[in-house]
Amino acid sequence: MNNTAMPIQKIVIVGGGSAGWIAAAVLGSQFARAQLQVELVESEEIGTIGVGESTIPPFLELLQSLNIDERDFIQRTQASFKLGIEFSDWRVKGESYFHPFGTISAGMDETVFYQSWLKSQQLGDSHGLQDFSPASVMARQQKFMLPQQAQQRPIGEARYALHLDARLAAD
């Protein structure tokens, strides 16, 4: 009996949609130089559900690693920018919490900033923690600019993600 393992020749991904196609793209990219075939099988009967798909900032890094042009992807998937995630009825009914993408630190070390902010609260300062998050401030004012194009440092500390059409992304 020969103990030599046969190399994997093919990976089959069962199920399409954005998750299946992203998995196929990543595996295809990672094993581009290997003699490995990546095949995606999806049901024509089920089809892709055409809903909005929400991403987080690392998704943009994934696009870049796959050499997918961000601007082209945004146009083809009819994506919109998002600066964070709002959680409705967070602690109690009627209350919400906005989780911003990027830093909350006003350009300072985050640990030092948070301690300074807590001290300022004890001394009567009324600024909320979210007031020091560029993403929170832009979202609250319904304004956006690409952080990497910002001339002012605080805005450059914001991050963003996309909300896109899942069917268009899979196509």
N, C-alpha and C. Protein backbone atom coordinates (compact mmCIF):
# COMPACT_ATOMS: atom_id res chain seq x y z
N MET A 1 0.84 -1.18 0.00
CA MET A 1 0.00 0.00 0.00
C MET A 1 0.89 1.24 0.00
N ASN A 2 0.54 2.21 -0.83
CA ASN A 2 1.30 3.45 -0.96
C ASN A 2 0.71 4.50 -0.01
N ASN A 3 1.53 5.08 0.84
CA ASN A 3 1.06 6.09 1.80
C ASN A 3 1.13 7.51 1.25
N THR A 4 1.46 7.67 -0.02
CA THR A 4 1.55 9.00 -0.61
C THR A 4 0.15 9.55 -0.84
N ALA A 5 -0.14 10.67 -0.23
CA ALA A 5 -1.46 11.30 -0.39
C ALA A 5 -1.56 11.95 -1.75
N MET A 6 -2.71 11.81 -2.35
CA MET A 6 -2.96 12.43 -3.65
C MET A 6 -3.35 13.88 -3.42
N PRO A 7 -2.76 14.82 -4.11
CA PRO A 7 -3.11 16.22 -3.89
C PRO A 7 -4.56 16.51 -4.29
N ILE A 8 -5.13 17.46 -3.58
CA ILE A 8 -6.50 17.87 -3.91
C ILE A 8 -6.49 18.49 -5.29
N GLN A 9 -7.41 18.05 -6.13
CA GLN A 9 -7.47 18.55 -7.51
C GLN A 9 -8.65 19.47 -7.75
N LYS A 10 -9.68 19.32 -6.91
CA LYS A 10 -10.90 20.09 -7.15
C LYS A 10 -11.60 20.39 -5.83
N ILE A 11 -12.11 21.62 -5.70
CA ILE A 11 -12.94 22.02 -4.57
C ILE A 11 -14.30 22.41 -5.14
N VAL A 12 -15.34 21.82 -4.58
CA VAL A 12 -16.70 22.14 -5.01
C VAL A 12 -17.40 22.91 -3.90
N ILE A 13 -17.95 24.04 -4.26
CA ILE A 13 -18.72 24.87 -3.32
C ILE A 13 -20.18 24.67 -3.67
N VAL A 14 -20.96 24.19 -2.71
CA VAL A 14 -22.37 23.93 -2.95
C VAL A 14 -23.16 25.10 -2.39
N GLY A 15 -23.78 25.84 -3.28
CA GLY A 15 -24.57 27.01 -2.88
C GLY A 15 -23.94 28.28 -3.39
N GLY A 16 -24.75 29.09 -4.01
CA GLY A 16 -24.24 30.33 -4.60
C GLY A 16 -24.50 31.51 -3.68
N GLY A 17 -25.09 32.53 -4.23
CA GLY A 17 -25.29 33.75 -3.47
C GLY A 17 -23.96 34.42 -3.20
N SER A 18 -24.01 35.48 -2.44
CA SER A 18 -22.77 36.22 -2.20
C SER A 18 -21.76 35.39 -1.42
N ALA A 19 -22.20 34.60 -0.44
CA ALA A 19 -21.26 33.79 0.34
C ALA A 19 -20.56 32.76 -0.53
N GLY A 20 -21.31 32.06 -1.37
CA GLY A 20 -20.71 31.06 -2.25
C GLY A 20 -19.75 31.66 -3.25
N TRP A 21 -20.15 32.76 -3.86
CA TRP A 21 -19.29 33.38 -4.87
C TRP A 21 -18.05 34.02 -4.26
N ILE A 22 -18.19 34.58 -3.07
CA ILE A 22 -17.00 35.13 -2.39
C ILE A 22 -16.04 33.99 -2.04
N ALA A 23 -16.58 32.88 -1.53
CA ALA A 23 -15.73 31.73 -1.21
C ALA A 23 -15.00 31.24 -2.46
N ALA A 24 -15.72 31.14 -3.57
CA ALA A 24 -15.10 30.69 -4.82
C ALA A 24 -14.03 31.66 -5.29
N ALA A 25 -14.30 32.95 -5.18
CA ALA A 25 -13.31 33.95 -5.62
C ALA A 25 -12.06 33.89 -4.76
N VAL A 26 -12.22 33.77 -3.45
CA VAL A 26 -11.07 33.72 -2.55
C VAL A 26 -10.25 32.46 -2.80
N LEU A 27 -10.92 31.31 -2.89
CA LEU A 27 -10.19 30.05 -3.14
C LEU A 27 -9.52 30.08 -4.51
N GLY A 28 -10.22 30.59 -5.52
CA GLY A 28 -9.62 30.69 -6.85
C GLY A 28 -8.39 31.58 -6.85
N SER A 29 -8.46 32.65 -6.09
CA SER A 29 -7.32 33.57 -6.00
C SER A 29 -6.15 32.94 -5.24
N GLN A 30 -6.47 32.31 -4.11
CA GLN A 30 -5.43 31.71 -3.28
C GLN A 30 -4.70 30.56 -3.96
N PHE A 31 -5.43 29.82 -4.77
CA PHE A 31 -4.84 28.65 -5.43
C PHE A 31 -4.68 28.85 -6.93
N ALA A 32 -4.53 30.11 -7.36
CA ALA A 32 -4.42 30.41 -8.78
C ALA A 32 -3.24 29.71 -9.45
N ARG A 33 -2.15 29.55 -8.73
CA ARG A 33 -0.95 28.94 -9.31
C ARG A 33 -0.94 27.42 -9.19
N ALA A 34 -1.80 26.89 -8.35
CA ALA A 34 -1.85 25.44 -8.13
C ALA A 34 -2.72 24.79 -9.21
N GLN A 35 -2.55 23.52 -9.34
CA GLN A 35 -3.38 22.74 -10.27
C GLN A 35 -4.66 22.34 -9.53
N LEU A 36 -5.46 23.33 -9.19
CA LEU A 36 -6.66 23.11 -8.40
C LEU A 36 -7.83 23.80 -9.08
N GLN A 37 -8.88 23.05 -9.29
CA GLN A 37 -10.08 23.60 -9.92
C GLN A 37 -11.10 23.94 -8.83
N VAL A 38 -11.68 25.12 -8.93
CA VAL A 38 -12.74 25.54 -8.01
C VAL A 38 -14.04 25.60 -8.80
N GLU A 39 -15.03 24.86 -8.33
CA GLU A 39 -16.32 24.82 -9.02
C GLU A 39 -17.42 25.20 -8.05
N LEU A 40 -18.33 26.04 -8.49
CA LEU A 40 -19.47 26.45 -7.68
C LEU A 40 -20.73 25.84 -8.28
N VAL A 41 -21.52 25.20 -7.45
CA VAL A 41 -22.78 24.58 -7.90
C VAL A 41 -23.91 25.28 -7.17
N GLU A 42 -24.83 25.83 -7.94
CA GLU A 42 -25.99 26.47 -7.31
C GLU A 42 -27.26 26.01 -8.02
N SER A 43 -28.34 26.03 -7.31
CA SER A 43 -29.61 25.55 -7.83
C SER A 43 -30.27 26.61 -8.69
N GLU A 44 -30.67 26.21 -9.88
CA GLU A 44 -31.44 27.13 -10.72
C GLU A 44 -32.85 27.29 -10.19
N GLU A 45 -33.33 26.27 -9.45
CA GLU A 45 -34.67 26.33 -8.89
C GLU A 45 -34.77 27.32 -7.74
N ILE A 46 -33.72 27.39 -6.94
CA ILE A 46 -33.75 28.29 -5.78
C ILE A 46 -33.40 29.70 -6.20
N GLY A 47 -32.36 29.84 -6.99
CA GLY A 47 -31.95 31.17 -7.44
C GLY A 47 -31.36 32.00 -6.32
N THR A 48 -30.91 33.19 -6.68
CA THR A 48 -30.33 34.11 -5.71
C THR A 48 -31.42 35.01 -5.17
N ILE A 49 -31.42 35.18 -3.87
CA ILE A 49 -32.40 36.06 -3.24
C ILE A 49 -31.92 37.50 -3.45
N GLY A 50 -32.78 38.33 -4.00
CA GLY A 50 -32.40 39.72 -4.28
C GLY A 50 -32.67 40.62 -3.10
N VAL A 51 -31.81 40.58 -2.12
CA VAL A 51 -31.96 41.43 -0.94
C VAL A 51 -30.73 42.30 -0.78
N GLY A 52 -30.86 43.28 0.08
CA GLY A 52 -29.70 44.09 0.40
C GLY A 52 -28.73 43.29 1.25
N GLU A 53 -27.48 43.43 0.94
CA GLU A 53 -26.42 42.73 1.67
C GLU A 53 -25.58 43.79 2.36
N SER A 54 -25.35 43.59 3.64
CA SER A 54 -24.58 44.55 4.41
C SER A 54 -23.18 44.01 4.64
N THR A 55 -22.18 44.85 4.49
CA THR A 55 -20.80 44.42 4.70
C THR A 55 -20.19 45.21 5.86
N ILE A 56 -18.98 44.85 6.22
CA ILE A 56 -18.19 45.58 7.21
C ILE A 56 -16.88 45.99 6.54
N PRO A 57 -16.12 46.93 7.12
CA PRO A 57 -14.94 47.46 6.44
C PRO A 57 -13.94 46.43 5.88
N PRO A 58 -13.69 45.30 6.54
CA PRO A 58 -12.74 44.35 5.93
C PRO A 58 -13.17 43.82 4.56
N PHE A 59 -14.45 43.93 4.24
CA PHE A 59 -14.92 43.50 2.92
C PHE A 59 -14.23 44.30 1.81
N LEU A 60 -13.96 45.58 2.06
CA LEU A 60 -13.28 46.40 1.06
C LEU A 60 -11.84 45.92 0.85
N GLU A 61 -11.22 45.46 1.93
CA GLU A 61 -9.87 44.88 1.82
C GLU A 61 -9.92 43.59 1.03
N LEU A 62 -11.00 42.82 1.19
CA LEU A 62 -11.16 41.58 0.41
C LEU A 62 -11.26 41.91 -1.08
N LEU A 63 -12.07 42.91 -1.42
CA LEU A 63 -12.17 43.31 -2.82
C LEU A 63 -10.80 43.67 -3.39
N GLN A 64 -10.05 44.43 -2.62
CA GLN A 64 -8.72 44.85 -3.06
C GLN A 64 -7.80 43.64 -3.25
N SER A 65 -7.86 42.68 -2.33
CA SER A 65 -7.00 41.49 -2.44
C SER A 65 -7.36 40.63 -3.65
N LEU A 66 -8.61 40.74 -4.11
CA LEU A 66 -9.06 40.00 -5.29
C LEU A 66 -8.89 40.81 -6.57
N ASN A 67 -8.25 41.97 -6.46
CA ASN A 67 -8.05 42.89 -7.59
C ASN A 67 -9.37 43.30 -8.24
N ILE A 68 -10.38 43.53 -7.39
CA ILE A 68 -11.67 44.02 -7.87
C ILE A 68 -11.70 45.51 -7.62
N ASP A 69 -11.93 46.27 -8.66
CA ASP A 69 -11.98 47.73 -8.55
C ASP A 69 -13.19 48.14 -7.72
N GLU A 70 -12.94 48.85 -6.62
CA GLU A 70 -14.00 49.23 -5.69
C GLU A 70 -15.07 50.09 -6.36
N ARG A 71 -14.65 51.06 -7.13
CA ARG A 71 -15.62 51.95 -7.79
C ARG A 71 -16.52 51.16 -8.75
N ASP A 72 -15.92 50.28 -9.54
CA ASP A 72 -16.67 49.46 -10.49
C ASP A 72 -17.63 48.54 -9.74
N PHE A 73 -17.16 47.94 -8.65
CA PHE A 73 -18.00 47.05 -7.84
C PHE A 73 -19.20 47.82 -7.28
N ILE A 74 -18.96 49.02 -6.78
CA ILE A 74 -20.04 49.84 -6.22
C ILE A 74 -21.09 50.14 -7.30
N GLN A 75 -20.63 50.49 -8.47
CA GLN A 75 -21.57 50.81 -9.55
C GLN A 75 -22.36 49.58 -9.99
N ARG A 76 -21.67 48.45 -10.14
CA ARG A 76 -22.33 47.24 -10.64
C ARG A 76 -23.29 46.61 -9.63
N THR A 77 -23.07 46.85 -8.36
CA THR A 77 -23.95 46.27 -7.32
C THR A 77 -24.91 47.30 -6.74
N GLN A 78 -24.91 48.51 -7.31
CA GLN A 78 -25.75 49.61 -6.83
C GLN A 78 -25.58 49.81 -5.32
N ALA A 79 -24.34 49.77 -4.89
CA ALA A 79 -24.02 49.85 -3.46
C ALA A 79 -24.12 51.29 -2.95
N SER A 80 -24.35 51.39 -1.67
CA SER A 80 -24.29 52.67 -0.98
C SER A 80 -23.28 52.53 0.16
N PHE A 81 -22.78 53.65 0.62
CA PHE A 81 -21.79 53.66 1.68
C PHE A 81 -22.48 53.58 3.04
N LYS A 82 -21.82 52.95 3.99
CA LYS A 82 -22.33 52.94 5.36
C LYS A 82 -21.18 53.19 6.31
N LEU A 83 -21.44 53.96 7.33
CA LEU A 83 -20.41 54.40 8.27
C LEU A 83 -20.46 53.65 9.60
N GLY A 84 -21.41 52.76 9.75
CA GLY A 84 -21.55 51.99 10.98
C GLY A 84 -22.82 51.18 10.94
N ILE A 85 -23.18 50.64 12.08
CA ILE A 85 -24.39 49.82 12.19
C ILE A 85 -25.21 50.34 13.35
N GLU A 86 -26.49 50.59 13.10
CA GLU A 86 -27.39 51.04 14.16
C GLU A 86 -28.17 49.85 14.69
N PHE A 87 -28.17 49.69 16.01
CA PHE A 87 -28.91 48.64 16.68
C PHE A 87 -30.12 49.27 17.35
N SER A 88 -31.30 49.00 16.84
CA SER A 88 -32.53 49.56 17.42
C SER A 88 -32.95 48.74 18.63
N ASP A 89 -33.61 49.40 19.57
CA ASP A 89 -34.06 48.77 20.81
C ASP A 89 -32.90 48.08 21.51
N TRP A 90 -31.78 48.80 21.61
CA TRP A 90 -30.52 48.23 22.09
C TRP A 90 -30.62 47.76 23.53
N ARG A 91 -30.77 48.65 24.47
CA ARG A 91 -30.91 48.25 25.87
C ARG A 91 -32.37 48.19 26.28
N VAL A 92 -33.12 49.16 25.80
CA VAL A 92 -34.56 49.21 26.10
C VAL A 92 -35.29 49.57 24.81
N LYS A 93 -36.55 49.23 24.76
CA LYS A 93 -37.36 49.53 23.59
C LYS A 93 -37.36 51.03 23.34
N GLY A 94 -37.13 51.40 22.09
CA GLY A 94 -37.11 52.81 21.72
C GLY A 94 -35.72 53.44 21.76
N GLU A 95 -34.75 52.75 22.31
CA GLU A 95 -33.38 53.27 22.37
C GLU A 95 -32.54 52.57 21.31
N SER A 96 -31.61 53.31 20.74
CA SER A 96 -30.74 52.69 19.74
C SER A 96 -29.29 52.98 20.07
N TYR A 97 -28.43 52.19 19.49
CA TYR A 97 -26.99 52.36 19.65
C TYR A 97 -26.37 52.33 18.26
N PHE A 98 -25.51 53.29 17.96
CA PHE A 98 -24.82 53.33 16.68
C PHE A 98 -23.38 52.89 16.89
N HIS A 99 -23.00 51.82 16.22
CA HIS A 99 -21.62 51.34 16.30
C HIS A 99 -20.87 51.87 15.07
N PRO A 100 -20.00 52.86 15.27
CA PRO A 100 -19.30 53.46 14.13
C PRO A 100 -18.14 52.60 13.65
N PHE A 101 -17.83 52.76 12.38
CA PHE A 101 -16.62 52.14 11.83
C PHE A 101 -15.49 53.15 11.97
N GLY A 102 -14.36 52.71 12.41
CA GLY A 102 -13.23 53.61 12.60
C GLY A 102 -13.03 53.90 14.07
N THR A 103 -12.25 54.90 14.33
CA THR A 103 -11.85 55.18 15.71
C THR A 103 -12.80 56.14 16.42
N ILE A 104 -12.73 56.08 17.73
CA ILE A 104 -13.35 57.07 18.61
C ILE A 104 -12.18 57.53 19.48
N SER A 105 -11.53 58.61 19.04
CA SER A 105 -10.35 58.99 19.83
C SER A 105 -9.83 60.39 19.57
N ALA A 106 -10.41 61.09 18.65
CA ALA A 106 -9.97 62.46 18.35
C ALA A 106 -8.47 62.54 18.11
N GLY A 107 -7.91 61.53 17.45
CA GLY A 107 -6.50 61.55 17.09
C GLY A 107 -5.56 61.14 18.21
N MET A 108 -6.10 60.74 19.36
CA MET A 108 -5.27 60.34 20.50
C MET A 108 -5.23 58.81 20.57
N ASP A 109 -4.30 58.30 21.39
CA ASP A 109 -4.31 56.88 21.73
C ASP A 109 -5.69 56.58 22.31
N GLU A 110 -6.35 55.52 21.84
CA GLU A 110 -7.73 55.26 22.25
C GLU A 110 -7.89 55.05 23.75
N THR A 111 -6.95 54.36 24.38
CA THR A 111 -7.05 54.12 25.82
C THR A 111 -6.92 55.43 26.59
N VAL A 112 -5.95 56.25 26.22
CA VAL A 112 -5.76 57.55 26.86
C VAL A 112 -6.99 58.43 26.62
N PHE A 113 -7.50 58.41 25.38
CA PHE A 113 -8.67 59.24 25.07
C PHE A 113 -9.86 58.84 25.92
N TYR A 114 -10.14 57.55 26.01
CA TYR A 114 -11.31 57.09 26.75
C TYR A 114 -11.22 57.51 28.22
N GLN A 115 -10.06 57.36 28.81
CA GLN A 115 -9.88 57.76 30.20
C GLN A 115 -10.07 59.27 30.35
N SER A 116 -9.56 60.03 29.40
CA SER A 116 -9.72 61.50 29.43
C SER A 116 -11.19 61.87 29.27
N TRP A 117 -11.90 61.17 28.39
CA TRP A 117 -13.32 61.44 28.17
C TRP A 117 -14.11 61.16 29.45
N LEU A 118 -13.83 60.02 30.10
CA LEU A 118 -14.52 59.69 31.35
C LEU A 118 -14.30 60.78 32.40
N LYS A 119 -13.06 61.25 32.51
CA LYS A 119 -12.74 62.31 33.47
C LYS A 119 -13.50 63.58 33.12
N SER A 120 -13.57 63.91 31.83
CA SER A 120 -14.30 65.13 31.44
C SER A 120 -15.79 65.00 31.77
N GLN A 121 -16.35 63.80 31.69
CA GLN A 121 -17.74 63.58 32.04
C GLN A 121 -17.95 63.84 33.54
N GLN A 122 -17.00 63.39 34.35
CA GLN A 122 -17.08 63.63 35.80
C GLN A 122 -17.03 65.11 36.12
N LEU A 123 -16.32 65.86 35.26
CA LEU A 123 -16.18 67.30 35.48
C LEU A 123 -17.30 68.11 34.85
N GLY A 124 -18.30 67.41 34.27
CA GLY A 124 -19.48 68.10 33.75
C GLY A 124 -19.54 68.31 32.25
N ASP A 125 -18.57 67.82 31.49
CA ASP A 125 -18.62 67.97 30.03
C ASP A 125 -19.78 67.14 29.49
N SER A 126 -20.53 67.70 28.58
CA SER A 126 -21.73 67.02 28.08
C SER A 126 -21.53 66.33 26.73
N HIS A 127 -20.35 66.36 26.17
CA HIS A 127 -20.13 65.70 24.87
C HIS A 127 -20.20 64.18 25.03
N GLY A 128 -21.01 63.57 24.18
CA GLY A 128 -21.11 62.11 24.20
C GLY A 128 -19.89 61.49 23.55
N LEU A 129 -19.65 60.24 23.84
CA LEU A 129 -18.51 59.54 23.27
C LEU A 129 -18.56 59.53 21.74
N GLN A 130 -19.77 59.38 21.20
CA GLN A 130 -19.92 59.34 19.73
C GLN A 130 -19.57 60.67 19.07
N ASP A 131 -19.55 61.74 19.83
CA ASP A 131 -19.17 63.04 19.27
C ASP A 131 -17.71 63.06 18.82
N PHE A 132 -16.93 62.09 19.27
CA PHE A 132 -15.51 62.02 18.93
C PHE A 132 -15.21 60.92 17.91
N SER A 133 -16.26 60.44 17.27
CA SER A 133 -16.13 59.45 16.21
C SER A 133 -16.48 60.11 14.88
N PRO A 134 -15.50 60.25 13.98
CA PRO A 134 -15.81 60.86 12.68
C PRO A 134 -16.94 60.15 11.95
N ALA A 135 -16.98 58.82 12.01
CA ALA A 135 -18.04 58.09 11.32
C ALA A 135 -19.41 58.40 11.93
N SER A 136 -19.48 58.48 13.26
CA SER A 136 -20.75 58.81 13.92
C SER A 136 -21.22 60.21 13.56
N VAL A 137 -20.31 61.16 13.57
CA VAL A 137 -20.66 62.55 13.26
C VAL A 137 -21.15 62.67 11.82
N MET A 138 -20.42 62.04 10.89
CA MET A 138 -20.85 62.10 9.49
C MET A 138 -22.21 61.43 9.30
N ALA A 139 -22.42 60.27 9.94
CA ALA A 139 -23.70 59.56 9.82
C ALA A 139 -24.84 60.40 10.38
N ARG A 140 -24.61 61.00 11.55
CA ARG A 140 -25.65 61.83 12.18
C ARG A 140 -26.03 63.01 11.29
N GLN A 141 -25.03 63.58 10.59
CA GLN A 141 -25.28 64.72 9.72
C GLN A 141 -25.63 64.30 8.29
N GLN A 142 -25.70 63.00 8.05
CA GLN A 142 -26.00 62.43 6.73
C GLN A 142 -25.07 62.98 5.66
N LYS A 143 -23.78 62.98 5.98
CA LYS A 143 -22.75 63.45 5.06
C LYS A 143 -21.69 62.35 4.95
N PHE A 144 -21.00 62.32 3.82
CA PHE A 144 -19.98 61.30 3.61
C PHE A 144 -18.92 61.82 2.66
N MET A 145 -17.70 61.43 2.95
CA MET A 145 -16.61 61.59 1.99
C MET A 145 -15.67 60.42 2.23
N LEU A 146 -14.97 60.01 1.20
CA LEU A 146 -14.03 58.91 1.37
C LEU A 146 -12.95 59.33 2.35
N PRO A 147 -12.77 58.59 3.45
CA PRO A 147 -11.80 58.99 4.46
C PRO A 147 -10.38 59.17 3.91
N GLN A 148 -9.99 58.35 2.94
CA GLN A 148 -8.64 58.45 2.39
C GLN A 148 -8.44 59.73 1.58
N GLN A 149 -9.52 60.43 1.26
CA GLN A 149 -9.41 61.69 0.53
C GLN A 149 -9.50 62.91 1.45
N ALA A 150 -9.66 62.66 2.74
CA ALA A 150 -9.82 63.75 3.70
C ALA A 150 -8.50 64.47 3.92
N GLN A 151 -8.57 65.79 3.96
CA GLN A 151 -7.40 66.60 4.27
C GLN A 151 -7.21 66.72 5.78
N GLN A 152 -8.32 66.60 6.52
CA GLN A 152 -8.26 66.72 7.97
C GLN A 152 -8.12 65.33 8.58
N ARG A 153 -7.22 65.19 9.53
CA ARG A 153 -6.93 63.89 10.10
C ARG A 153 -8.14 63.19 10.73
N PRO A 154 -8.96 63.86 11.53
CA PRO A 154 -10.06 63.10 12.17
C PRO A 154 -10.97 62.38 11.19
N ILE A 155 -11.33 63.01 10.09
CA ILE A 155 -12.19 62.35 9.12
C ILE A 155 -11.46 61.15 8.53
N GLY A 156 -10.16 61.27 8.35
CA GLY A 156 -9.37 60.17 7.83
C GLY A 156 -9.35 58.96 8.73
N GLU A 157 -9.75 59.13 10.00
CA GLU A 157 -9.80 58.00 10.92
C GLU A 157 -11.13 57.24 10.85
N ALA A 158 -12.05 57.72 10.03
CA ALA A 158 -13.32 57.02 9.82
C ALA A 158 -13.06 55.84 8.89
N ARG A 159 -13.93 54.87 8.96
CA ARG A 159 -13.90 53.76 8.01
C ARG A 159 -15.31 53.61 7.47
N TYR A 160 -15.46 52.87 6.41
CA TYR A 160 -16.77 52.68 5.82
C TYR A 160 -16.89 51.26 5.27
N ALA A 161 -18.10 50.90 4.95
CA ALA A 161 -18.40 49.61 4.34
C ALA A 161 -19.46 49.87 3.27
N LEU A 162 -20.03 48.81 2.76
CA LEU A 162 -21.01 48.94 1.69
C LEU A 162 -22.29 48.20 2.04
N HIS A 163 -23.38 48.70 1.50
CA HIS A 163 -24.66 47.99 1.49
C HIS A 163 -24.97 47.80 0.02
N LEU A 164 -25.14 46.56 -0.42
CA LEU A 164 -25.24 46.30 -1.85
C LEU A 164 -26.37 45.35 -2.18
N ASP A 165 -26.67 45.22 -3.46
CA ASP A 165 -27.69 44.30 -3.95
C ASP A 165 -27.04 42.92 -4.09
N ALA A 166 -27.50 41.97 -3.29
CA ALA A 166 -26.89 40.63 -3.26
C ALA A 166 -26.99 39.93 -4.62
N ARG A 167 -28.10 40.10 -5.30
CA ARG A 167 -28.26 39.45 -6.62
C ARG A 167 -27.23 40.00 -7.61
N LEU A 168 -27.07 41.31 -7.62
CA LEU A 168 -26.10 41.92 -8.53
C LEU A 168 -24.67 41.49 -8.17
N ALA A 169 -24.40 41.34 -6.89
CA ALA A 169 -23.06 40.89 -6.46
C ALA A 169 -22.80 39.47 -6.93
N ALA A 170 -23.78 38.61 -6.80
CA ALA A 170 -23.62 37.22 -7.24
C ALA A 170 -23.47 37.14 -8.76
N ASP A 171 -24.22 37.98 -9.46
CA ASP A 171 -24.10 37.99 -10.94
C ASP A 171 -22.71 38.40 -11.35
